[in-house]
Each structure stands twice: as structure tokens, then as C-alpha cells.
Amino acid sequence: MPYLPKKDIGSSGMSESVELITLGCPKNDVDSEVVGQILVDSGHTLTTEQNGASTVFINTCGFIEDAKKESIDRIKEAINRKKAGQIKNIIVAGCLVGRYRKDLEERFKDVDAFFEVSDFDSIKKYFNVFNGKPGVMDRYRLTPKHFAYLKISEGCDYKCSFCAIPGIRGLQKSRPLNSLLDEARRLIDNGVCELILIAEDSTRYGIDLDTNEDLCKLLENLSNLDGLKWIRLLYAYPKSISDRLIDIIGERDNICNYIDMPIQHVSNTVLKRMKRTYKRRDIEDKIEKLRNRIPDIILRTTVIVGFPGETKEQFVELSNFLMESPFDRLGAFMYSDEDGTQAESLDNKVSKNEMIERLEEIQLNQNYISEQVNRQLIGKKLEVLVDYKDEESDMFLGRSYGDAPSIDQVIQIDRPAEVGEFTTITVEDSTATELTGK
């Protein structure tokens, strides 16, 4: 559940409550925080609870089939509540609207307004908010006070055949470095000690700017800011991970020795059909460089199984690679046809049952790898950032430098702790997805 301060943030007794629902990735989380600030500036009160809200604002995801279904289900649920007299207004925004606005407007007449991705100017006008400076992203924080996402760019220039993102969020558009540094300072002033850099492709940050700004320069400047204990990098395109970037990660104490590098596959034939612009050898070289130059680096990746034309042999090549050159963290997904993508028209589709079997094999193998890796940590000391208290177990939960929030494993702390503090624990027990320590 998102973090919301326990106070009335409306400007007067006339304010109404808005239930803000966020679906999808951390990039959507940031967009919702900007929307949240607009709602607050308009005199509304935010809530994550259904009871009492007069308006439901749904920030949708439309990236893959499961995400689209979840977004549609949430819209239908809100419409049922409106018809039952439980809420007055429904607003739908985000990626699903970016892809299917016309269809959504025709299908869901009970929705009061639709807004496309990051269309904050239109949302401001809708709520009669006219303050703020151009380019400044004021945010009403939905994450815990101690960590925040920093969206460094929007869109992507790559033409991966399976991906709808360029059609939804457009081509690469980097934010100026100074605006990012200003936002980072504001976040630090508000208690942030971990900053997580996100983008569609973080490694190409700055390539579209007329200035001499790139990811390395951004990381160096962020690293020099007082107050940041951890800086974490997500969504790094393998081909664009340079030697200089590797050196900066390894040299700077407050840049986590962690990188999220989605490879998607290792078969050269499949990679070519995916239009990923690199080959298996490039992935192997990159992994070797990262592990040799940063020995304690934690590598995360994602892979797709069942891409059109993926033969049994090509899947076995991927499965064997992930066992022989294991990643510390891994997410695996089944391919799904996405409207408007090149892969949608490719032949030799893999059956759903076959994709399920392949996904299960990858996940079982990764569970085994994770169990072995975590077992080796028993008896060792780890620095942990405490994220929250689990009310059911009465345990405090946190993460090491090797774990990003929501997507990686958690660490149970078997003693009283303070949310937002860094503490050192000795690992006493482990599973594939969890460590326990005092």
C-alpha cells in the first residue's frame, strides 16, 4: 500500500476526497505523485481507501495483456461503485489511455474524463490548478519518506519488435540535468536517503539533449549531493552500459553496486527477431566486465519466454545460460501479442501451454539459484535499510543494497527498528526470496 501522511491535506472544509489508484511500474508511481500534488493544490484530500472518496482517479498500465486486463477491471469496478451511488466521478489516465483512448471513451461512457500519459497540463486545467513552474515536477510522495524514484527521461528510441512503449510514451526525451538535481535536492530535504533512477532506457539519458549531459555525468553530480546514502540504477539497456559507467558505479560509495540490465533472451536468432541490437557474446562480455570490475555487484535481469518462433532448442539455450551464468535477481515473463508491435504479425507463435511450461522451468531454476545464494549469506553481516513494519508478523522488513523495492527480496529484522534507518543484521535464516536476521 502506498505511503500517505496521516493528516488532512485539503485546503478547506469544502475539499473532497480522491482515491488515487496506481497500476504498473515505478514510472507510473512518479506520474501519480505529480497527479497527487495537483489534486492537493486543487484542495482535494488523497486516500488509498474506498470508503468516503467522492472521486476515483485510476492511473492505468497498458504495457502487456495482464496489465491491460487489470486496468480494465479497475475501471469496471469504479463504474459499478458509481452506479451504486458510492462515488460521484471517475477519472482514467495513463498508458492504457495513451494506447486506446478512443475505444475507452466509446466503451466506458460513465467515466468523466480521460487523460493520456503524463498530460499534467490538461489535468491541472481540469482541476483549476495554475501554479507551478514549467519543468518543475512537484510531487506528493506516495513512497515511504526515505526512498524515492527519480524519472530521468521519458520514452525510448529503440524499436524492439515486442514493445509498445515508443507508441505509448514516445521517443527518448531526457530531462535537463539541473532540473533533476533540483528535484533530488528537494527529495533529500524531505528525508530521502535512497534515490532510484528510472526511465524506459536509463543508459541513453542525455542523448537527445544539446548539452554535454549523460548518465555518467548525472550519477557523478547526484553522488556529490549530501544526504544520499544509496543511488540505484534501473532499466539499463545492455548495449549502452559503458566502461565509464561501470567504473563510476564501482568507484562511488553511495552508488549501489547493483544494476538492472534486461537481456530478454540470449539466442542470437531470437534477439534478432526481437530487434534488440546485440548478440549473446555482447551479453557475456558485459556480465564478465561487471563482475570482474565490481566483484560484489548484484545483477538483475528480465527475460521473455515464448517469443514467436522460439524453438525448443532456443529456449534450452536461454535456460542453460541462466543456470551457467546466473543472475542474482531475475524476472521472467511470457510473451504476449501487443497491438501495433511488429512481433504481433510474426509467424510461428508458441502455444500458451508451452509458454507456461517454459516460464515455470525458468522460475524453478531461479528459485534454486536464489536459495543457494541466500544460504551462503547465513552467519554474515548485512547493512539493511528498514522499509516498513509488517503488522501481521510484527516484524520490520528491509532491503540490502542488492534489492530494489517491490521487485527484489526482503529482509526480516528480528528486533525493534525504525523505518528509514540503516541497521546491520546478522543473517540467521534464508529462503529463495527472503532473509531473516538480528
Protein backbone atom coordinates (compact mmCIF):
# COMPACT_ATOMS: atom_id res chain seq x y z
CA MET A 1 0.00 0.00 0.00
CA PRO A 2 1.32 3.48 -0.85
CA TYR A 3 2.53 5.69 1.97
CA LEU A 4 0.21 8.62 2.72
CA PRO A 5 0.75 11.09 5.56
CA LYS A 6 -1.92 10.77 8.24
CA LYS A 7 -3.22 14.30 8.01
CA ASP A 8 -5.93 16.25 6.23
CA ILE A 9 -4.30 17.88 3.24
CA GLY A 10 -7.37 19.61 1.90
CA SER A 11 -7.33 23.38 1.78
CA SER A 12 -10.75 23.80 3.40
CA GLY A 13 -13.81 22.02 4.67
CA MET A 14 -15.09 22.14 1.08
CA SER A 15 -12.44 19.69 -0.12
CA GLU A 16 -13.46 16.30 -1.42
CA SER A 17 -11.60 13.03 -1.09
CA VAL A 18 -9.98 11.39 -4.14
CA GLU A 19 -8.99 7.73 -4.19
CA LEU A 20 -5.79 7.58 -6.25
CA ILE A 21 -5.13 4.13 -7.78
CA THR A 22 -1.77 3.47 -9.42
CA LEU A 23 -1.15 0.43 -11.65
CA GLY A 24 2.04 -0.66 -13.37
CA CYS A 25 5.69 0.28 -12.98
CA PRO A 26 7.60 2.85 -10.88
CA LYS A 27 7.38 5.32 -13.77
CA ASN A 28 3.63 5.32 -13.19
CA ASP A 29 4.27 5.80 -9.47
CA VAL A 30 6.10 9.03 -10.23
CA ASP A 31 3.32 10.19 -12.56
CA SER A 32 0.80 9.51 -9.79
CA GLU A 33 2.85 11.56 -7.35
CA VAL A 34 2.71 14.51 -9.76
CA VAL A 35 -1.05 13.98 -10.12
CA GLY A 36 -1.33 13.75 -6.34
CA GLN A 37 0.27 17.17 -5.92
CA ILE A 38 -2.12 18.64 -8.48
CA LEU A 39 -5.06 17.20 -6.53
CA VAL A 40 -3.71 18.60 -3.27
CA ASP A 41 -3.13 22.02 -4.88
CA SER A 42 -6.76 21.97 -6.02
CA GLY A 43 -7.90 21.49 -2.42
CA HIS A 44 -8.66 17.79 -2.51
CA THR A 45 -7.72 15.15 0.04
CA LEU A 46 -5.99 11.96 -1.12
CA THR A 47 -6.79 8.49 0.12
CA THR A 48 -5.98 4.90 -0.75
CA GLU A 49 -9.21 3.67 0.82
CA GLN A 50 -12.56 3.18 -0.93
CA ASN A 51 -14.71 4.43 1.93
CA GLY A 52 -15.52 8.12 1.77
CA ALA A 53 -13.92 9.02 -1.57
CA SER A 54 -16.13 11.01 -3.94
CA THR A 55 -13.79 10.61 -6.92
CA VAL A 56 -11.68 7.71 -8.17
CA PHE A 57 -8.57 8.57 -10.21
CA ILE A 58 -7.08 5.49 -11.94
CA ASN A 59 -3.57 5.76 -13.40
CA THR A 60 -3.56 2.76 -15.74
CA CYS A 61 -0.92 0.47 -17.22
CA GLY A 62 -1.23 -0.78 -20.78
CA PHE A 63 2.13 -2.42 -21.37
CA ILE A 64 1.18 -6.12 -21.59
CA GLU A 65 -2.06 -8.12 -21.72
CA ASP A 66 -2.26 -8.87 -17.98
CA ALA A 67 -1.70 -5.20 -17.14
CA LYS A 68 -4.39 -4.11 -19.59
CA LYS A 69 -6.85 -6.58 -18.07
CA GLU A 70 -6.13 -5.32 -14.56
CA SER A 71 -6.68 -1.72 -15.67
CA ILE A 72 -9.99 -2.58 -17.39
CA ASP A 73 -11.15 -4.48 -14.30
CA ARG A 74 -10.42 -1.46 -12.09
CA ILE A 75 -12.39 0.81 -14.44
CA LYS A 76 -15.36 -1.57 -14.38
CA GLU A 77 -15.19 -1.80 -10.60
CA ALA A 78 -15.25 2.01 -10.31
CA ILE A 79 -18.22 2.23 -12.68
CA ASN A 80 -20.15 -0.27 -10.56
CA ARG A 81 -19.43 1.86 -7.49
CA LYS A 82 -20.60 4.98 -9.32
CA LYS A 83 -23.86 3.32 -10.37
CA ALA A 84 -24.39 2.22 -6.78
CA GLY A 85 -24.03 5.82 -5.63
CA GLN A 86 -20.80 5.20 -3.71
CA ILE A 87 -18.73 7.69 -5.76
CA LYS A 88 -19.55 10.68 -7.99
CA ASN A 89 -16.69 10.86 -10.51
CA ILE A 90 -14.26 8.58 -12.34
CA ILE A 91 -11.07 9.82 -14.00
CA VAL A 92 -8.86 7.48 -16.02
CA ALA A 93 -5.32 8.35 -17.11
CA GLY A 94 -2.03 6.74 -18.09
CA CYS A 95 -0.69 4.23 -20.58
CA LEU A 96 -3.95 2.45 -21.38
CA VAL A 97 -5.49 5.77 -22.38
CA GLY A 98 -2.40 6.53 -24.45
CA ARG A 99 -2.97 3.34 -26.45
CA TYR A 100 -6.75 3.06 -26.60
CA ARG A 101 -8.31 6.42 -25.78
CA LYS A 102 -10.97 6.37 -28.50
CA ASP A 103 -12.02 2.82 -27.69
CA LEU A 104 -12.16 3.56 -23.96
CA GLU A 105 -14.24 6.69 -24.49
CA GLU A 106 -16.75 4.73 -26.57
CA ARG A 107 -16.84 1.75 -24.21
CA PHE A 108 -16.96 3.49 -20.83
CA LYS A 109 -19.46 6.37 -21.04
CA ASP A 110 -19.62 6.60 -17.22
CA VAL A 111 -16.01 7.79 -17.00
CA ASP A 112 -15.95 11.56 -16.53
CA ALA A 113 -12.52 12.31 -18.02
CA PHE A 114 -9.62 10.61 -19.80
CA PHE A 115 -6.01 11.85 -19.80
CA GLU A 116 -3.06 10.42 -21.71
CA VAL A 117 0.40 9.66 -20.33
CA SER A 118 1.96 12.50 -18.32
CA ASP A 119 -0.57 15.03 -19.64
CA PHE A 120 -0.20 17.07 -16.47
CA ASP A 121 -1.14 20.40 -18.08
CA SER A 122 -4.58 19.08 -19.03
CA ILE A 123 -5.04 17.55 -15.58
CA LYS A 124 -4.15 20.90 -13.99
CA LYS A 125 -6.72 22.69 -16.14
CA TYR A 126 -9.36 20.10 -15.26
CA PHE A 127 -8.79 20.73 -11.56
CA ASN A 128 -8.30 24.51 -11.98
CA VAL A 129 -4.67 24.49 -10.86
CA PHE A 130 -2.49 27.15 -12.49
CA ASN A 131 0.54 27.36 -10.20
CA GLY A 132 3.98 25.81 -10.55
CA LYS A 133 6.98 26.49 -12.74
CA PRO A 134 7.45 24.91 -16.20
CA GLY A 135 9.64 21.81 -16.00
CA VAL A 136 9.35 21.52 -12.21
CA MET A 137 7.74 18.26 -11.12
CA ASP A 138 6.19 18.91 -7.73
CA ARG A 139 5.25 15.55 -6.26
CA TYR A 140 3.02 14.36 -3.46
CA ARG A 141 5.07 11.43 -2.22
CA LEU A 142 3.40 8.02 -2.25
CA THR A 143 6.52 6.06 -1.30
CA PRO A 144 7.85 5.88 2.26
CA LYS A 145 9.69 9.02 3.30
CA HIS A 146 13.20 7.53 2.98
CA PHE A 147 13.26 6.45 -0.68
CA ALA A 148 12.01 7.94 -3.94
CA TYR A 149 12.11 7.34 -7.67
CA LEU A 150 13.70 9.91 -9.96
CA LYS A 151 12.38 9.67 -13.53
CA ILE A 152 15.26 10.94 -15.64
CA SER A 153 13.69 10.62 -19.09
CA GLU A 154 10.53 9.63 -20.92
CA GLY A 155 10.09 7.38 -23.95
CA CYS A 156 12.51 5.20 -25.90
CA ASP A 157 14.30 5.33 -29.28
CA TYR A 158 14.73 1.56 -29.68
CA LYS A 159 12.35 -0.36 -31.94
CA CYS A 160 12.13 -3.68 -30.10
CA SER A 161 9.57 -5.72 -32.03
CA PHE A 162 7.63 -6.81 -28.93
CA CYS A 163 7.42 -3.44 -27.18
CA ALA A 164 4.61 -0.88 -27.36
CA ILE A 165 6.34 1.74 -25.22
CA PRO A 166 7.51 4.09 -28.04
CA GLY A 167 3.92 4.17 -29.25
CA ILE A 168 2.67 5.00 -25.76
CA ARG A 169 5.32 7.31 -24.31
CA GLY A 170 7.05 8.47 -27.49
CA LEU A 171 10.74 8.73 -28.33
CA GLN A 172 13.51 9.46 -25.84
CA LYS A 173 13.06 12.79 -24.07
CA SER A 174 15.60 13.43 -21.32
CA ARG A 175 15.04 15.92 -18.54
CA PRO A 176 17.71 18.63 -18.15
CA LEU A 177 20.36 17.74 -15.59
CA ASN A 178 19.78 20.85 -13.49
CA SER A 179 16.08 20.10 -13.09
CA LEU A 180 16.92 16.58 -11.93
CA LEU A 181 19.46 17.87 -9.43
CA ASP A 182 16.95 20.42 -8.12
CA GLU A 183 14.34 17.69 -7.70
CA ALA A 184 16.87 15.42 -6.00
CA ARG A 185 17.75 18.20 -3.52
CA ARG A 186 14.07 18.72 -2.71
CA LEU A 187 13.65 15.00 -2.12
CA ILE A 188 16.71 14.89 0.15
CA ASP A 189 15.39 17.87 2.10
CA ASN A 190 12.22 15.85 2.66
CA GLY A 191 14.05 12.86 4.11
CA VAL A 192 15.05 10.75 1.10
CA CYS A 193 18.27 8.78 1.58
CA GLU A 194 17.82 6.34 -1.33
CA LEU A 195 17.24 7.60 -4.86
CA ILE A 196 16.20 5.12 -7.57
CA LEU A 197 16.82 6.25 -11.15
CA ILE A 198 14.19 5.12 -13.65
CA ALA A 199 13.47 5.60 -17.35
CA GLU A 200 12.48 3.47 -20.32
CA ASP A 201 16.22 3.29 -21.06
CA SER A 202 18.30 4.97 -18.38
CA THR A 203 21.63 4.38 -20.15
CA ARG A 204 20.70 6.66 -23.06
CA TYR A 205 19.91 9.56 -20.77
CA GLY A 206 21.02 12.86 -22.32
CA ILE A 207 21.50 11.60 -25.86
CA ASP A 208 18.73 13.90 -27.08
CA LEU A 209 19.95 16.98 -25.22
CA ASP A 210 22.05 19.70 -26.85
CA THR A 211 24.27 19.84 -23.77
CA ASN A 212 27.12 17.54 -22.81
CA GLU A 213 24.99 15.64 -20.32
CA ASP A 214 24.78 11.88 -19.98
CA LEU A 215 24.05 9.23 -17.36
CA CYS A 216 27.63 9.23 -16.07
CA LYS A 217 27.61 12.99 -15.50
CA LEU A 218 24.19 12.74 -13.82
CA LEU A 219 25.38 9.97 -11.49
CA GLU A 220 28.53 11.90 -10.58
CA ASN A 221 26.51 15.01 -9.72
CA LEU A 222 23.92 13.06 -7.72
CA SER A 223 26.68 11.22 -5.89
CA ASN A 224 28.13 14.56 -4.75
CA LEU A 225 24.89 15.62 -3.06
CA ASP A 226 24.96 15.44 0.73
CA GLY A 227 22.38 13.13 2.25
CA LEU A 228 22.14 10.35 -0.31
CA LYS A 229 23.25 7.02 1.12
CA TRP A 230 22.12 4.89 -1.83
CA ILE A 231 21.68 5.68 -5.54
CA ARG A 232 20.23 2.78 -7.54
CA LEU A 233 20.05 2.29 -11.32
CA LEU A 234 17.16 0.52 -13.04
CA TYR A 235 16.40 -0.20 -16.72
CA ALA A 236 19.93 -0.18 -18.14
CA TYR A 237 20.00 -1.33 -21.77
CA PRO A 238 22.85 -3.88 -22.08
CA LYS A 239 24.45 -2.41 -25.21
CA SER A 240 24.71 1.06 -23.65
CA ILE A 241 26.45 0.09 -20.41
CA SER A 242 29.83 1.72 -20.98
CA ASP A 243 33.20 1.14 -19.29
CA ARG A 244 32.94 4.62 -17.79
CA LEU A 245 29.53 3.81 -16.29
CA ILE A 246 30.89 0.59 -14.78
CA ASP A 247 33.82 2.50 -13.26
CA ILE A 248 31.55 5.17 -11.74
CA ILE A 249 29.30 2.56 -10.14
CA GLY A 250 32.32 0.75 -8.73
CA GLU A 251 34.14 3.87 -7.51
CA ARG A 252 31.35 5.82 -5.82
CA ASP A 253 30.46 4.58 -2.35
CA ASN A 254 26.88 5.84 -2.44
CA ILE A 255 26.05 4.36 -5.85
CA CYS A 256 24.78 0.85 -5.15
CA ASN A 257 26.76 -1.99 -6.67
CA TYR A 258 23.55 -3.06 -8.36
CA ILE A 259 22.31 -2.77 -11.91
CA ASP A 260 19.11 -3.83 -13.62
CA MET A 261 20.03 -4.99 -17.13
CA PRO A 262 17.12 -6.58 -19.05
CA ILE A 263 18.57 -9.02 -21.60
CA GLN A 264 15.23 -10.59 -22.75
CA HIS A 265 16.99 -13.59 -24.38
CA VAL A 266 20.40 -14.99 -25.40
CA SER A 267 19.66 -16.82 -28.64
CA ASN A 268 21.05 -14.69 -31.46
CA THR A 269 18.16 -15.71 -33.69
CA VAL A 270 15.55 -14.69 -31.13
CA LEU A 271 17.41 -11.46 -30.29
CA LYS A 272 17.43 -10.56 -33.98
CA ARG A 273 13.68 -11.16 -34.25
CA MET A 274 13.24 -9.06 -31.12
CA LYS A 275 15.38 -6.31 -32.73
CA ARG A 276 17.47 -5.98 -29.57
CA THR A 277 20.63 -4.73 -31.44
CA TYR A 278 23.09 -7.01 -29.59
CA LYS A 279 24.13 -10.67 -29.56
CA ARG A 280 24.81 -13.31 -26.91
CA ARG A 281 28.53 -12.57 -26.95
CA ASP A 282 27.81 -8.93 -26.08
CA ILE A 283 25.78 -10.02 -23.04
CA GLU A 284 28.54 -12.39 -21.92
CA ASP A 285 31.18 -9.67 -22.29
CA LYS A 286 29.10 -7.19 -20.33
CA ILE A 287 28.47 -9.63 -17.47
CA GLU A 288 32.18 -10.52 -17.35
CA LYS A 289 33.20 -6.85 -17.17
CA LEU A 290 30.67 -6.03 -14.47
CA ARG A 291 31.60 -8.99 -12.27
CA ASN A 292 35.37 -8.57 -12.75
CA ARG A 293 35.44 -4.82 -12.08
CA ILE A 294 32.77 -4.77 -9.35
CA PRO A 295 33.15 -8.14 -7.57
CA ASP A 296 30.19 -7.66 -5.21
CA ILE A 297 27.79 -6.31 -7.83
CA ILE A 298 24.21 -7.60 -7.82
CA LEU A 299 22.89 -8.16 -11.35
CA ARG A 300 19.17 -8.16 -12.10
CA THR A 301 17.62 -9.04 -15.46
CA THR A 302 14.36 -9.89 -17.16
CA VAL A 303 13.73 -12.46 -19.89
CA ILE A 304 10.83 -13.31 -22.19
CA VAL A 305 9.85 -16.89 -22.96
CA GLY A 306 7.70 -17.99 -25.90
CA PHE A 307 8.63 -15.20 -28.29
CA PRO A 308 7.23 -16.00 -31.78
CA GLY A 309 9.46 -18.55 -33.45
CA GLU A 310 11.30 -19.50 -30.24
CA THR A 311 12.16 -23.17 -30.77
CA LYS A 312 12.67 -25.70 -28.01
CA GLU A 313 16.39 -25.56 -28.69
CA GLN A 314 16.49 -21.78 -28.40
CA PHE A 315 14.60 -21.93 -25.11
CA VAL A 316 17.02 -24.57 -23.80
CA GLU A 317 19.89 -22.25 -24.78
CA LEU A 318 18.32 -19.50 -22.66
CA SER A 319 17.58 -21.82 -19.74
CA ASN A 320 21.09 -23.27 -19.72
CA PHE A 321 22.66 -19.83 -19.94
CA LEU A 322 20.73 -18.64 -16.89
CA MET A 323 21.94 -21.66 -14.93
CA GLU A 324 25.56 -21.43 -16.10
CA SER A 325 25.84 -17.63 -15.82
CA PRO A 326 23.28 -16.96 -13.10
CA PHE A 327 21.84 -13.55 -12.33
CA ASP A 328 21.32 -12.60 -8.69
CA ARG A 329 17.81 -11.34 -9.41
CA LEU A 330 15.58 -12.34 -12.31
CA GLY A 331 12.09 -11.64 -13.61
CA ALA A 332 10.62 -13.89 -16.32
CA PHE A 333 7.57 -13.20 -18.45
CA MET A 334 5.54 -14.96 -21.11
CA TYR A 335 5.34 -13.24 -24.47
CA SER A 336 2.01 -11.66 -25.38
CA ASP A 337 0.94 -10.07 -28.67
CA GLU A 338 0.68 -6.31 -28.29
CA ASP A 339 -1.37 -4.15 -30.65
CA GLY A 340 0.73 -2.17 -33.09
CA THR A 341 4.01 -4.01 -32.46
CA GLN A 342 5.99 -5.75 -35.18
CA ALA A 343 6.05 -9.03 -33.25
CA GLU A 344 2.26 -9.20 -33.39
CA SER A 345 2.46 -10.14 -37.07
CA LEU A 346 5.31 -12.66 -36.71
CA ASP A 347 4.52 -16.27 -37.52
CA ASN A 348 5.24 -19.49 -35.58
CA LYS A 349 3.53 -18.46 -32.36
CA VAL A 350 4.33 -20.60 -29.31
CA SER A 351 1.30 -22.19 -27.65
CA LYS A 352 0.11 -20.90 -24.26
CA ASN A 353 0.70 -24.27 -22.60
CA GLU A 354 4.25 -24.43 -23.93
CA MET A 355 4.95 -20.89 -22.71
CA ILE A 356 3.66 -21.78 -19.24
CA GLU A 357 5.98 -24.81 -19.09
CA ARG A 358 8.96 -22.74 -20.18
CA LEU A 359 8.17 -19.98 -17.68
CA GLU A 360 7.86 -22.48 -14.84
CA GLU A 361 11.23 -24.02 -15.72
CA ILE A 362 12.96 -20.63 -15.65
CA GLN A 363 11.30 -19.72 -12.35
CA LEU A 364 12.10 -23.05 -10.69
CA ASN A 365 15.73 -22.81 -11.77
CA GLN A 366 16.00 -19.25 -10.48
CA ASN A 367 14.45 -20.26 -7.15
CA TYR A 368 17.16 -22.89 -6.81
CA ILE A 369 19.87 -20.32 -7.64
CA SER A 370 18.43 -17.81 -5.17
CA GLU A 371 18.22 -20.44 -2.43
CA GLN A 372 21.88 -21.31 -2.89
CA VAL A 373 22.98 -17.67 -2.98
CA ASN A 374 20.99 -16.77 0.14
CA ARG A 375 22.15 -19.84 2.06
CA GLN A 376 25.74 -18.65 1.68
CA LEU A 377 24.79 -15.43 3.48
CA ILE A 378 23.81 -17.18 6.73
CA GLY A 379 26.11 -16.01 9.52
CA LYS A 380 27.24 -12.94 7.58
CA LYS A 381 26.50 -9.31 8.36
CA LEU A 382 24.43 -7.12 6.04
CA GLU A 383 23.60 -3.44 6.06
CA VAL A 384 19.83 -3.09 5.76
CA LEU A 385 17.54 -0.16 5.06
CA VAL A 386 14.32 -0.60 7.05
CA ASP A 387 11.28 -0.04 4.82
CA TYR A 388 8.22 -0.78 6.95
CA LYS A 389 6.69 -2.83 9.74
CA ASP A 390 4.53 -5.81 8.87
CA GLU A 391 1.57 -5.55 11.23
CA GLU A 392 0.63 -9.24 10.93
CA SER A 393 4.03 -10.69 11.83
CA ASP A 394 5.11 -7.70 13.95
CA MET A 395 8.45 -7.87 12.10
CA PHE A 396 10.31 -4.98 10.48
CA LEU A 397 11.18 -5.53 6.82
CA GLY A 398 14.01 -4.01 4.85
CA ARG A 399 16.43 -4.40 1.95
CA SER A 400 20.14 -4.65 1.28
CA TYR A 401 21.97 -2.66 -1.41
CA GLY A 402 21.21 -5.60 -3.69
CA ASP A 403 17.45 -5.22 -3.55
CA ALA A 404 15.16 -2.68 -5.17
CA PRO A 405 11.78 -2.07 -3.53
CA SER A 406 8.79 -4.15 -4.66
CA ILE A 407 10.72 -6.24 -7.21
CA ASP A 408 13.51 -7.91 -5.20
CA GLN A 409 13.70 -9.90 -1.99
CA VAL A 410 13.03 -8.61 1.52
CA ILE A 411 14.90 -9.00 4.80
CA GLN A 412 13.07 -9.67 8.05
CA ILE A 413 14.62 -7.98 11.07
CA ASP A 414 14.03 -9.85 14.30
CA ARG A 415 14.26 -6.85 16.65
CA PRO A 416 12.67 -3.42 17.08
CA ALA A 417 13.77 -0.96 14.39
CA GLU A 418 12.94 2.43 12.94
CA VAL A 419 11.50 2.82 9.45
CA GLY A 420 14.02 4.67 7.29
CA GLU A 421 17.08 3.75 9.37
CA PHE A 422 20.13 1.82 8.22
CA THR A 423 20.99 -1.04 10.51
CA THR A 424 23.37 -4.01 10.45
CA ILE A 425 21.97 -7.51 10.87
CA THR A 426 23.47 -10.98 11.07
CA VAL A 427 21.66 -13.35 8.71
CA GLU A 428 20.18 -16.30 10.61
CA ASP A 429 17.85 -17.94 8.08
CA SER A 430 17.00 -17.76 4.38
CA THR A 431 14.64 -18.82 1.60
CA ALA A 432 14.74 -18.10 -2.14
CA THR A 433 13.04 -14.73 -1.62
CA GLU A 434 13.68 -13.75 1.97
CA LEU A 435 16.40 -13.38 4.59
CA THR A 436 15.92 -13.23 8.34
CA GLY A 437 18.41 -11.73 10.74
CA LYS A 438 19.04 -9.96 14.03
